[in-house]
Amino acid sequence: MSKFDQAKVLMQARKLQKELQNEIIIVEAGEGAVSVEISGEQKIKKININPDFIDLDDIGQLENWVEDAVKEAIQQSQKLAAEKMQPIMGSLGNLGL
């Protein structure tokens, strides 16, 4: 692979990284009791808890909803990143990575 091709792949990767920074995925759990916003880079941007759904006598349920929402948000973010990276993965292989 030529230096030009390597630079092109590097530029594509940087562009992809910026796109992933701007991609926001929102996941809900507990029928809207908890929502998690995460970027395509797997950075959690916000966790929202709707107090109308919260039973203070059952904090364990709230903890489960938060855990479920975070896990699902990370999974969806990883899937999005993998899908967006797929077109340049072949090019990275040619670099010996």
PDB file of N, CA and C in Angstrom:
ATOM      1  N   MET A   1       0.857  -1.177   0.000  1.00  0.00           N
ATOM      2  CA  MET A   1       0.000   0.000   0.000  1.00  0.00           C
ATOM      3  C   MET A   1       0.899   1.234   0.000  1.00  0.00           C
ATOM      4  N   SER A   2       0.578   2.161  -0.869  1.00  0.00           N
ATOM      5  CA  SER A   2       1.390   3.369  -0.993  1.00  0.00           C
ATOM      6  C   SER A   2       1.152   4.317   0.186  1.00  0.00           C
ATOM      7  N   LYS A   3       2.059   5.257   0.338  1.00  0.00           N
ATOM      8  CA  LYS A   3       1.908   6.275   1.397  1.00  0.00           C
ATOM      9  C   LYS A   3       0.619   7.050   1.200  1.00  0.00           C
ATOM     10  N   PHE A   4       0.268   7.310  -0.059  1.00  0.00           N
ATOM     11  CA  PHE A   4      -0.972   8.029  -0.357  1.00  0.00           C
ATOM     12  C   PHE A   4      -2.179   7.237   0.139  1.00  0.00           C
ATOM     13  N   ASP A   5      -2.183   5.934  -0.138  1.00  0.00           N
ATOM     14  CA  ASP A   5      -3.294   5.084   0.308  1.00  0.00           C
ATOM     15  C   ASP A   5      -3.362   5.013   1.823  1.00  0.00           C
ATOM     16  N   GLN A   6      -2.196   4.954   2.467  1.00  0.00           N
ATOM     17  CA  GLN A   6      -2.164   4.923   3.921  1.00  0.00           C
ATOM     18  C   GLN A   6      -2.748   6.217   4.497  1.00  0.00           C
ATOM     19  N   ALA A   7      -2.365   7.331   3.902  1.00  0.00           N
ATOM     20  CA  ALA A   7      -2.886   8.623   4.366  1.00  0.00           C
ATOM     21  C   ALA A   7      -4.392   8.701   4.152  1.00  0.00           C
ATOM     22  N   LYS A   8      -4.856   8.160   3.040  1.00  0.00           N
ATOM     23  CA  LYS A   8      -6.296   8.172   2.736  1.00  0.00           C
ATOM     24  C   LYS A   8      -7.072   7.361   3.787  1.00  0.00           C
ATOM     25  N   VAL A   9      -6.549   6.188   4.129  1.00  0.00           N
ATOM     26  CA  VAL A   9      -7.202   5.343   5.138  1.00  0.00           C
ATOM     27  C   VAL A   9      -7.195   6.042   6.493  1.00  0.00           C
ATOM     28  N   LEU A  10      -6.083   6.676   6.824  1.00  0.00           N
ATOM     29  CA  LEU A  10      -5.996   7.403   8.089  1.00  0.00           C
ATOM     30  C   LEU A  10      -7.014   8.542   8.133  1.00  0.00           C
ATOM     31  N   MET A  11      -7.163   9.257   7.048  1.00  0.00           N
ATOM     32  CA  MET A  11      -8.152  10.335   6.980  1.00  0.00           C
ATOM     33  C   MET A  11      -9.568   9.789   7.121  1.00  0.00           C
ATOM     34  N   GLN A  12      -9.837   8.632   6.506  1.00  0.00           N
ATOM     35  CA  GLN A  12     -11.153   8.006   6.642  1.00  0.00           C
ATOM     36  C   GLN A  12     -11.422   7.619   8.096  1.00  0.00           C
ATOM     37  N   ALA A  13     -10.403   7.097   8.757  1.00  0.00           N
ATOM     38  CA  ALA A  13     -10.561   6.693  10.156  1.00  0.00           C
ATOM     39  C   ALA A  13     -10.833   7.900  11.046  1.00  0.00           C
ATOM     40  N   ARG A  14     -10.142   8.994  10.789  1.00  0.00           N
ATOM     41  CA  ARG A  14     -10.374  10.211  11.586  1.00  0.00           C
ATOM     42  C   ARG A  14     -11.772  10.769  11.338  1.00  0.00           C
ATOM     43  N   LYS A  15     -12.203  10.733  10.093  1.00  0.00           N
ATOM     44  CA  LYS A  15     -13.555  11.198   9.754  1.00  0.00           C
ATOM     45  C   LYS A  15     -14.591  10.321  10.465  1.00  0.00           C
ATOM     46  N   LEU A  16     -14.364   9.023  10.442  1.00  0.00           N
ATOM     47  CA  LEU A  16     -15.271   8.092  11.107  1.00  0.00           C
ATOM     48  C   LEU A  16     -15.331   8.376  12.601  1.00  0.00           C
ATOM     49  N   GLN A  17     -14.183   8.650  13.203  1.00  0.00           N
ATOM     50  CA  GLN A  17     -14.156   8.939  14.638  1.00  0.00           C
ATOM     51  C   GLN A  17     -14.993  10.172  14.953  1.00  0.00           C
ATOM     52  N   LYS A  18     -14.895  11.207  14.128  1.00  0.00           N
ATOM     53  CA  LYS A  18     -15.706  12.411  14.343  1.00  0.00           C
ATOM     54  C   LYS A  18     -17.190  12.099  14.188  1.00  0.00           C
ATOM     55  N   GLU A  19     -17.527  11.277  13.189  1.00  0.00           N
ATOM     56  CA  GLU A  19     -18.928  10.891  12.993  1.00  0.00           C
ATOM     57  C   GLU A  19     -19.456  10.155  14.218  1.00  0.00           C
ATOM     58  N   LEU A  20     -18.641   9.251  14.758  1.00  0.00           N
ATOM     59  CA  LEU A  20     -19.070   8.484  15.927  1.00  0.00           C
ATOM     60  C   LEU A  20     -19.237   9.374  17.151  1.00  0.00           C
ATOM     61  N   GLN A  21     -18.430  10.426  17.254  1.00  0.00           N
ATOM     62  CA  GLN A  21     -18.583  11.367  18.361  1.00  0.00           C
ATOM     63  C   GLN A  21     -19.950  12.032  18.319  1.00  0.00           C
ATOM     64  N   ASN A  22     -20.437  12.267  17.116  1.00  0.00           N
ATOM     65  CA  ASN A  22     -21.695  12.989  16.939  1.00  0.00           C
ATOM     66  C   ASN A  22     -22.925  12.087  16.915  1.00  0.00           C
ATOM     67  N   GLU A  23     -22.723  10.794  16.792  1.00  0.00           N
ATOM     68  CA  GLU A  23     -23.841   9.850  16.805  1.00  0.00           C
ATOM     69  C   GLU A  23     -24.292   9.649  18.250  1.00  0.00           C
ATOM     70  N   ILE A  24     -25.562   9.849  18.510  1.00  0.00           N
ATOM     71  CA  ILE A  24     -26.104   9.645  19.854  1.00  0.00           C
ATOM     72  C   ILE A  24     -27.188   8.572  19.785  1.00  0.00           C
ATOM     73  N   ILE A  25     -27.056   7.595  20.642  1.00  0.00           N
ATOM     74  CA  ILE A  25     -28.028   6.507  20.750  1.00  0.00           C
ATOM     75  C   ILE A  25     -28.737   6.691  22.082  1.00  0.00           C
ATOM     76  N   ILE A  26     -30.058   6.549  22.060  1.00  0.00           N
ATOM     77  CA  ILE A  26     -30.851   6.664  23.290  1.00  0.00           C
ATOM     78  C   ILE A  26     -31.522   5.319  23.538  1.00  0.00           C
ATOM     79  N   VAL A  27     -31.321   4.795  24.733  1.00  0.00           N
ATOM     80  CA  VAL A  27     -31.895   3.511  25.124  1.00  0.00           C
ATOM     81  C   VAL A  27     -32.726   3.726  26.377  1.00  0.00           C
ATOM     82  N   GLU A  28     -33.909   3.108  26.403  1.00  0.00           N
ATOM     83  CA  GLU A  28     -34.780   3.200  27.579  1.00  0.00           C
ATOM     84  C   GLU A  28     -34.932   1.830  28.226  1.00  0.00           C
ATOM     85  N   ALA A  29     -35.185   1.840  29.515  1.00  0.00           N
ATOM     86  CA  ALA A  29     -35.490   0.628  30.266  1.00  0.00           C
ATOM     87  C   ALA A  29     -36.621   0.952  31.228  1.00  0.00           C
ATOM     88  N   GLY A  30     -37.319  -0.086  31.658  1.00  0.00           N
ATOM     89  CA  GLY A  30     -38.413   0.106  32.612  1.00  0.00           C
ATOM     90  C   GLY A  30     -39.537   0.932  32.023  1.00  0.00           C
ATOM     91  N   GLU A  31     -39.800   0.718  30.723  1.00  0.00           N
ATOM     92  CA  GLU A  31     -40.885   1.433  30.022  1.00  0.00           C
ATOM     93  C   GLU A  31     -40.748   2.947  30.151  1.00  0.00           C
ATOM     94  N   GLY A  32     -39.508   3.422  30.062  1.00  0.00           N
ATOM     95  CA  GLY A  32     -39.265   4.859  30.117  1.00  0.00           C
ATOM     96  C   GLY A  32     -38.822   5.373  31.473  1.00  0.00           C
ATOM     97  N   ALA A  33     -38.674   4.484  32.439  1.00  0.00           N
ATOM     98  CA  ALA A  33     -38.233   4.916  33.761  1.00  0.00           C
ATOM     99  C   ALA A  33     -36.798   5.433  33.722  1.00  0.00           C
ATOM    100  N   VAL A  34     -35.971   4.806  32.888  1.00  0.00           N
ATOM    101  CA  VAL A  34     -34.563   5.168  32.776  1.00  0.00           C
ATOM    102  C   VAL A  34     -34.215   5.304  31.300  1.00  0.00           C
ATOM    103  N   SER A  35     -33.494   6.362  30.951  1.00  0.00           N
ATOM    104  CA  SER A  35     -32.966   6.463  29.594  1.00  0.00           C
ATOM    105  C   SER A  35     -31.489   6.805  29.662  1.00  0.00           C
ATOM    106  N   VAL A  36     -30.746   6.252  28.718  1.00  0.00           N
ATOM    107  CA  VAL A  36     -29.303   6.464  28.639  1.00  0.00           C
ATOM    108  C   VAL A  36     -28.987   6.977  27.250  1.00  0.00           C
ATOM    109  N   GLU A  37     -28.206   8.058  27.196  1.00  0.00           N
ATOM    110  CA  GLU A  37     -27.698   8.581  25.933  1.00  0.00           C
ATOM    111  C   GLU A  37     -26.217   8.260  25.867  1.00  0.00           C
ATOM    112  N   ILE A  38     -25.799   7.668  24.752  1.00  0.00           N
ATOM    113  CA  ILE A  38     -24.405   7.279  24.579  1.00  0.00           C
ATOM    114  C   ILE A  38     -23.964   7.649  23.175  1.00  0.00           C
ATOM    115  N   SER A  39     -22.705   8.020  23.038  1.00  0.00           N
ATOM    116  CA  SER A  39     -22.181   8.362  21.717  1.00  0.00           C
ATOM    117  C   SER A  39     -21.715   7.094  21.005  1.00  0.00           C
ATOM    118  N   GLY A  40     -21.428   7.247  19.723  1.00  0.00           N
ATOM    119  CA  GLY A  40     -20.888   6.136  18.956  1.00  0.00           C
ATOM    120  C   GLY A  40     -19.501   5.729  19.408  1.00  0.00           C
ATOM    121  N   GLU A  41     -18.886   6.528  20.255  1.00  0.00           N
ATOM    122  CA  GLU A  41     -17.579   6.206  20.828  1.00  0.00           C
ATOM    123  C   GLU A  41     -17.696   5.498  22.178  1.00  0.00           C
ATOM    124  N   GLN A  42     -18.880   5.080  22.545  1.00  0.00           N
ATOM    125  CA  GLN A  42     -19.168   4.425  23.816  1.00  0.00           C
ATOM    126  C   GLN A  42     -18.951   5.340  25.009  1.00  0.00           C
ATOM    127  N   LYS A  43     -19.184   6.632  24.831  1.00  0.00           N
ATOM    128  CA  LYS A  43     -19.111   7.569  25.945  1.00  0.00           C
ATOM    129  C   LYS A  43     -20.527   7.934  26.370  1.00  0.00           C
ATOM    130  N   ILE A  44     -20.855   7.649  27.623  1.00  0.00           N
ATOM    131  CA  ILE A  44     -22.182   7.954  28.131  1.00  0.00           C
ATOM    132  C   ILE A  44     -22.300   9.463  28.274  1.00  0.00           C
ATOM    133  N   LYS A  45     -23.322  10.016  27.642  1.00  0.00           N
ATOM    134  CA  LYS A  45     -23.535  11.455  27.657  1.00  0.00           C
ATOM    135  C   LYS A  45     -24.505  11.865  28.760  1.00  0.00           C
ATOM    136  N   LYS A  46     -25.523  11.018  29.004  1.00  0.00           N
ATOM    137  CA  LYS A  46     -26.544  11.395  29.974  1.00  0.00           C
ATOM    138  C   LYS A  46     -27.323  10.157  30.416  1.00  0.00           C
ATOM    139  N   ILE A  47     -27.686  10.155  31.692  1.00  0.00           N
ATOM    140  CA  ILE A  47     -28.615   9.152  32.223  1.00  0.00           C
ATOM    141  C   ILE A  47     -29.763   9.927  32.847  1.00  0.00           C
ATOM    142  N   ASN A  48     -30.965   9.595  32.429  1.00  0.00           N
ATOM    143  CA  ASN A  48     -32.153  10.280  32.940  1.00  0.00           C
ATOM    144  C   ASN A  48     -33.033   9.270  33.670  1.00  0.00           C
ATOM    145  N   ILE A  49     -33.494   9.644  34.846  1.00  0.00           N
ATOM    146  CA  ILE A  49     -34.402   8.803  35.631  1.00  0.00           C
ATOM    147  C   ILE A  49     -35.698   9.573  35.811  1.00  0.00           C
ATOM    148  N   ASN A  50     -36.785   8.979  35.356  1.00  0.00           N
ATOM    149  CA  ASN A  50     -38.104   9.595  35.476  1.00  0.00           C
ATOM    150  C   ASN A  50     -38.669   9.278  36.864  1.00  0.00           C
ATOM    151  N   PRO A  51     -38.804  10.281  37.721  1.00  0.00           N
ATOM    152  CA  PRO A  51     -39.242  10.023  39.097  1.00  0.00           C
ATOM    153  C   PRO A  51     -40.661   9.460  39.202  1.00  0.00           C
ATOM    154  N   ASP A  52     -41.474   9.654  38.154  1.00  0.00           N
ATOM    155  CA  ASP A  52     -42.845   9.126  38.183  1.00  0.00           C
ATOM    156  C   ASP A  52     -42.880   7.598  38.198  1.00  0.00           C
ATOM    157  N   PHE A  53     -41.793   6.966  37.751  1.00  0.00           N
ATOM    158  CA  PHE A  53     -41.748   5.509  37.668  1.00  0.00           C
ATOM    159  C   PHE A  53     -41.034   4.868  38.843  1.00  0.00           C
ATOM    160  N   ILE A  54     -40.495   5.677  39.741  1.00  0.00           N
ATOM    161  CA  ILE A  54     -39.623   5.154  40.781  1.00  0.00           C
ATOM    162  C   ILE A  54     -40.395   4.852  42.068  1.00  0.00           C
ATOM    163  N   ASP A  55     -40.200   3.629  42.527  1.00  0.00           N
ATOM    164  CA  ASP A  55     -40.761   3.193  43.806  1.00  0.00           C
ATOM    165  C   ASP A  55     -39.608   3.167  44.806  1.00  0.00           C
ATOM    166  N   LEU A  56     -39.603   4.099  45.733  1.00  0.00           N
ATOM    167  CA  LEU A  56     -38.501   4.190  46.688  1.00  0.00           C
ATOM    168  C   LEU A  56     -38.371   2.944  47.559  1.00  0.00           C
ATOM    169  N   ASP A  57     -39.431   2.159  47.630  1.00  0.00           N
ATOM    170  CA  ASP A  57     -39.366   0.922  48.395  1.00  0.00           C
ATOM    171  C   ASP A  57     -38.720  -0.212  47.592  1.00  0.00           C
ATOM    172  N   ASP A  58     -38.449   0.044  46.315  1.00  0.00           N
ATOM    173  CA  ASP A  58     -37.843  -0.982  45.463  1.00  0.00           C
ATOM    174  C   ASP A  58     -36.706  -0.370  44.630  1.00  0.00           C
ATOM    175  N   ILE A  59     -35.689   0.136  45.315  1.00  0.00           N
ATOM    176  CA  ILE A  59     -34.529   0.734  44.653  1.00  0.00           C
ATOM    177  C   ILE A  59     -33.800  -0.307  43.803  1.00  0.00           C
ATOM    178  N   GLY A  60     -33.873  -1.554  44.191  1.00  0.00           N
ATOM    179  CA  GLY A  60     -33.238  -2.627  43.417  1.00  0.00           C
ATOM    180  C   GLY A  60     -33.746  -2.663  41.984  1.00  0.00           C
ATOM    181  N   GLN A  61     -35.034  -2.405  41.801  1.00  0.00           N
ATOM    182  CA  GLN A  61     -35.600  -2.390  40.451  1.00  0.00           C
ATOM    183  C   GLN A  61     -34.994  -1.254  39.637  1.00  0.00           C
ATOM    184  N   LEU A  62     -34.847  -0.083  40.247  1.00  0.00           N
ATOM    185  CA  LEU A  62     -34.221   1.057  39.579  1.00  0.00           C
ATOM    186  C   LEU A  62     -32.788   0.717  39.177  1.00  0.00           C
ATOM    187  N   GLU A  63     -32.056   0.099  40.084  1.00  0.00           N
ATOM    188  CA  GLU A  63     -30.680  -0.293  39.776  1.00  0.00           C
ATOM    189  C   GLU A  63     -30.634  -1.250  38.584  1.00  0.00           C
ATOM    190  N   ASN A  64     -31.564  -2.183  38.535  1.00  0.00           N
ATOM    191  CA  ASN A  64     -31.627  -3.125  37.410  1.00  0.00           C
ATOM    192  C   ASN A  64     -31.915  -2.400  36.099  1.00  0.00           C
ATOM    193  N   TRP A  65     -32.845  -1.440  36.131  1.00  0.00           N
ATOM    194  CA  TRP A  65     -33.164  -0.689  34.913  1.00  0.00           C
ATOM    195  C   TRP A  65     -31.965   0.110  34.422  1.00  0.00           C
ATOM    196  N   VAL A  66     -31.250   0.739  35.353  1.00  0.00           N
ATOM    197  CA  VAL A  66     -30.061   1.514  34.969  1.00  0.00           C
ATOM    198  C   VAL A  66     -29.021   0.569  34.358  1.00  0.00           C
ATOM    199  N   GLU A  67     -28.776  -0.532  35.019  1.00  0.00           N
ATOM    200  CA  GLU A  67     -27.801  -1.503  34.514  1.00  0.00           C
ATOM    201  C   GLU A  67     -28.198  -2.010  33.129  1.00  0.00           C
ATOM    202  N   ASP A  68     -29.466  -2.377  32.957  1.00  0.00           N
ATOM    203  CA  ASP A  68     -29.947  -2.876  31.668  1.00  0.00           C
ATOM    204  C   ASP A  68     -29.801  -1.823  30.568  1.00  0.00           C
ATOM    205  N   ALA A  69     -30.162  -0.594  30.890  1.00  0.00           N
ATOM    206  CA  ALA A  69     -30.089   0.476  29.897  1.00  0.00           C
ATOM    207  C   ALA A  69     -28.643   0.766  29.497  1.00  0.00           C
ATOM    208  N   VAL A  70     -27.745   0.784  30.457  1.00  0.00           N
ATOM    209  CA  VAL A  70     -26.326   1.048  30.157  1.00  0.00           C
ATOM    210  C   VAL A  70     -25.754  -0.085  29.301  1.00  0.00           C
ATOM    211  N   LYS A  71     -26.026  -1.324  29.670  1.00  0.00           N
ATOM    212  CA  LYS A  71     -25.528  -2.467  28.902  1.00  0.00           C
ATOM    213  C   LYS A  71     -26.038  -2.413  27.458  1.00  0.00           C
ATOM    214  N   GLU A  72     -27.326  -2.162  27.293  1.00  0.00           N
ATOM    215  CA  GLU A  72     -27.919  -2.110  25.953  1.00  0.00           C
ATOM    216  C   GLU A  72     -27.348  -0.942  25.154  1.00  0.00           C
ATOM    217  N   ALA A  73     -27.161   0.196  25.803  1.00  0.00           N
ATOM    218  CA  ALA A  73     -26.604   1.371  25.122  1.00  0.00           C
ATOM    219  C   ALA A  73     -25.181   1.073  24.627  1.00  0.00           C
ATOM    220  N   ILE A  74     -24.380   0.446  25.460  1.00  0.00           N
ATOM    221  CA  ILE A  74     -23.016   0.100  25.058  1.00  0.00           C
ATOM    222  C   ILE A  74     -23.040  -0.878  23.891  1.00  0.00           C
ATOM    223  N   GLN A  75     -23.900  -1.882  23.958  1.00  0.00           N
ATOM    224  CA  GLN A  75     -24.012  -2.857  22.871  1.00  0.00           C
ATOM    225  C   GLN A  75     -24.387  -2.178  21.560  1.00  0.00           C
ATOM    226  N   GLN A  76     -25.393  -1.309  21.603  1.00  0.00           N
ATOM    227  CA  GLN A  76     -25.830  -0.633  20.385  1.00  0.00           C
ATOM    228  C   GLN A  76     -24.740   0.285  19.849  1.00  0.00           C
ATOM    229  N   SER A  77     -24.014   0.948  20.734  1.00  0.00           N
ATOM    230  CA  SER A  77     -22.931   1.829  20.325  1.00  0.00           C
ATOM    231  C   SER A  77     -21.799   1.036  19.677  1.00  0.00           C
ATOM    232  N   GLN A  78     -21.456  -0.095  20.246  1.00  0.00           N
ATOM    233  CA  GLN A  78     -20.423  -0.947  19.672  1.00  0.00           C
ATOM    234  C   GLN A  78     -20.844  -1.467  18.297  1.00  0.00           C
ATOM    235  N   LYS A  79     -22.101  -1.841  18.179  1.00  0.00           N
ATOM    236  CA  LYS A  79     -22.612  -2.333  16.897  1.00  0.00           C
ATOM    237  C   LYS A  79     -22.540  -1.232  15.841  1.00  0.00           C
ATOM    238  N   LEU A  80     -22.946  -0.023  16.202  1.00  0.00           N
ATOM    239  CA  LEU A  80     -22.891   1.113  15.276  1.00  0.00           C
ATOM    240  C   LEU A  80     -21.453   1.365  14.818  1.00  0.00           C
ATOM    241  N   ALA A  81     -20.511   1.370  15.760  1.00  0.00           N
ATOM    242  CA  ALA A  81     -19.107   1.609  15.423  1.00  0.00           C
ATOM    243  C   ALA A  81     -18.585   0.516  14.492  1.00  0.00           C
ATOM    244  N   ALA A  82     -18.930  -0.725  14.772  1.00  0.00           N
ATOM    245  CA  ALA A  82     -18.474  -1.836  13.928  1.00  0.00           C
ATOM    246  C   ALA A  82     -19.034  -1.711  12.518  1.00  0.00           C
ATOM    247  N   GLU A  83     -20.313  -1.347  12.398  1.00  0.00           N
ATOM    248  CA  GLU A  83     -20.934  -1.191  11.083  1.00  0.00           C
ATOM    249  C   GLU A  83     -20.271  -0.065  10.291  1.00  0.00           C
ATOM    250  N   LYS A  84     -19.982   1.033  10.965  1.00  0.00           N
ATOM    251  CA  LYS A  84     -19.369   2.169  10.279  1.00  0.00           C
ATOM    252  C   LYS A  84     -17.907   1.894   9.920  1.00  0.00           C
ATOM    253  N   MET A  85     -17.233   1.058  10.689  1.00  0.00           N
ATOM    254  CA  MET A  85     -15.822   0.764  10.432  1.00  0.00           C
ATOM    255  C   MET A  85     -15.634  -0.307   9.369  1.00  0.00           C
ATOM    256  N   GLN A  86     -16.653  -1.087   9.119  1.00  0.00           N
ATOM    257  CA  GLN A  86     -16.535  -2.212   8.208  1.00  0.00           C
ATOM    258  C   GLN A  86     -15.946  -1.825   6.841  1.00  0.00           C
ATOM    259  N   PRO A  87     -16.373  -0.716   6.222  1.00  0.00           N
ATOM    260  CA  PRO A  87     -15.814  -0.381   4.902  1.00  0.00           C
ATOM    261  C   PRO A  87     -14.310  -0.112   4.911  1.00  0.00           C
ATOM    262  N   ILE A  88     -13.758   0.382   6.020  1.00  0.00           N
ATOM    263  CA  ILE A  88     -12.328   0.675   6.019  1.00  0.00           C
ATOM    264  C   ILE A  88     -11.499  -0.454   6.624  1.00  0.00           C
ATOM    265  N   MET A  89     -12.134  -1.473   7.151  1.00  0.00           N
ATOM    266  CA  MET A  89     -11.380  -2.569   7.772  1.00  0.00           C
ATOM    267  C   MET A  89     -10.483  -3.273   6.760  1.00  0.00           C
ATOM    268  N   GLY A  90     -10.973  -3.452   5.533  1.00  0.00           N
ATOM    269  CA  GLY A  90     -10.138  -4.090   4.515  1.00  0.00           C
ATOM    270  C   GLY A  90      -8.896  -3.275   4.244  1.00  0.00           C
ATOM    271  N   SER A  91      -9.034  -1.970   4.216  1.00  0.00           N
ATOM    272  CA  SER A  91      -7.893  -1.098   3.989  1.00  0.00           C
ATOM    273  C   SER A  91      -6.891  -1.177   5.130  1.00  0.00           C
ATOM    274  N   LEU A  92      -7.400  -1.285   6.344  1.00  0.00           N
ATOM    275  CA  LEU A  92      -6.499  -1.405   7.504  1.00  0.00           C
ATOM    276  C   LEU A  92      -5.730  -2.711   7.449  1.00  0.00           C
ATOM    277  N   GLY A  93      -6.360  -3.764   6.958  1.00  0.00           N
ATOM    278  CA  GLY A  93      -5.680  -5.041   6.817  1.00  0.00           C
ATOM    279  C   GLY A  93      -4.496  -4.947   5.880  1.00  0.00           C
ATOM    280  N   ASN A  94      -4.610  -4.114   4.845  1.00  0.00           N
ATOM    281  CA  ASN A  94      -3.511  -3.927   3.902  1.00  0.00           C
ATOM    282  C   ASN A  94      -2.340  -3.171   4.526  1.00  0.00           C
ATOM    283  N   LEU A  95      -2.586  -2.521   5.653  1.00  0.00           N
ATOM    284  CA  LEU A  95      -1.500  -1.828   6.346  1.00  0.00           C
ATOM    285  C   LEU A  95      -0.730  -2.763   7.257  1.00  0.00           C
ATOM    286  N   GLY A  96      -1.214  -4.001   7.367  1.00  0.00           N
ATOM    287  CA  GLY A  96      -0.548  -4.944   8.244  1.00  0.00           C
ATOM    288  C   GLY A  96      -1.053  -4.891   9.675  1.00  0.00           C
ATOM    289  N   LEU A  97      -2.235  -4.278   9.887  1.00  0.00           N
ATOM    290  CA  LEU A  97      -2.794  -4.165  11.239  1.00  0.00           C
ATOM    291  C   LEU A  97      -3.709  -5.324  11.526  1.00  0.00           C
TER     292      LEU A  97
END
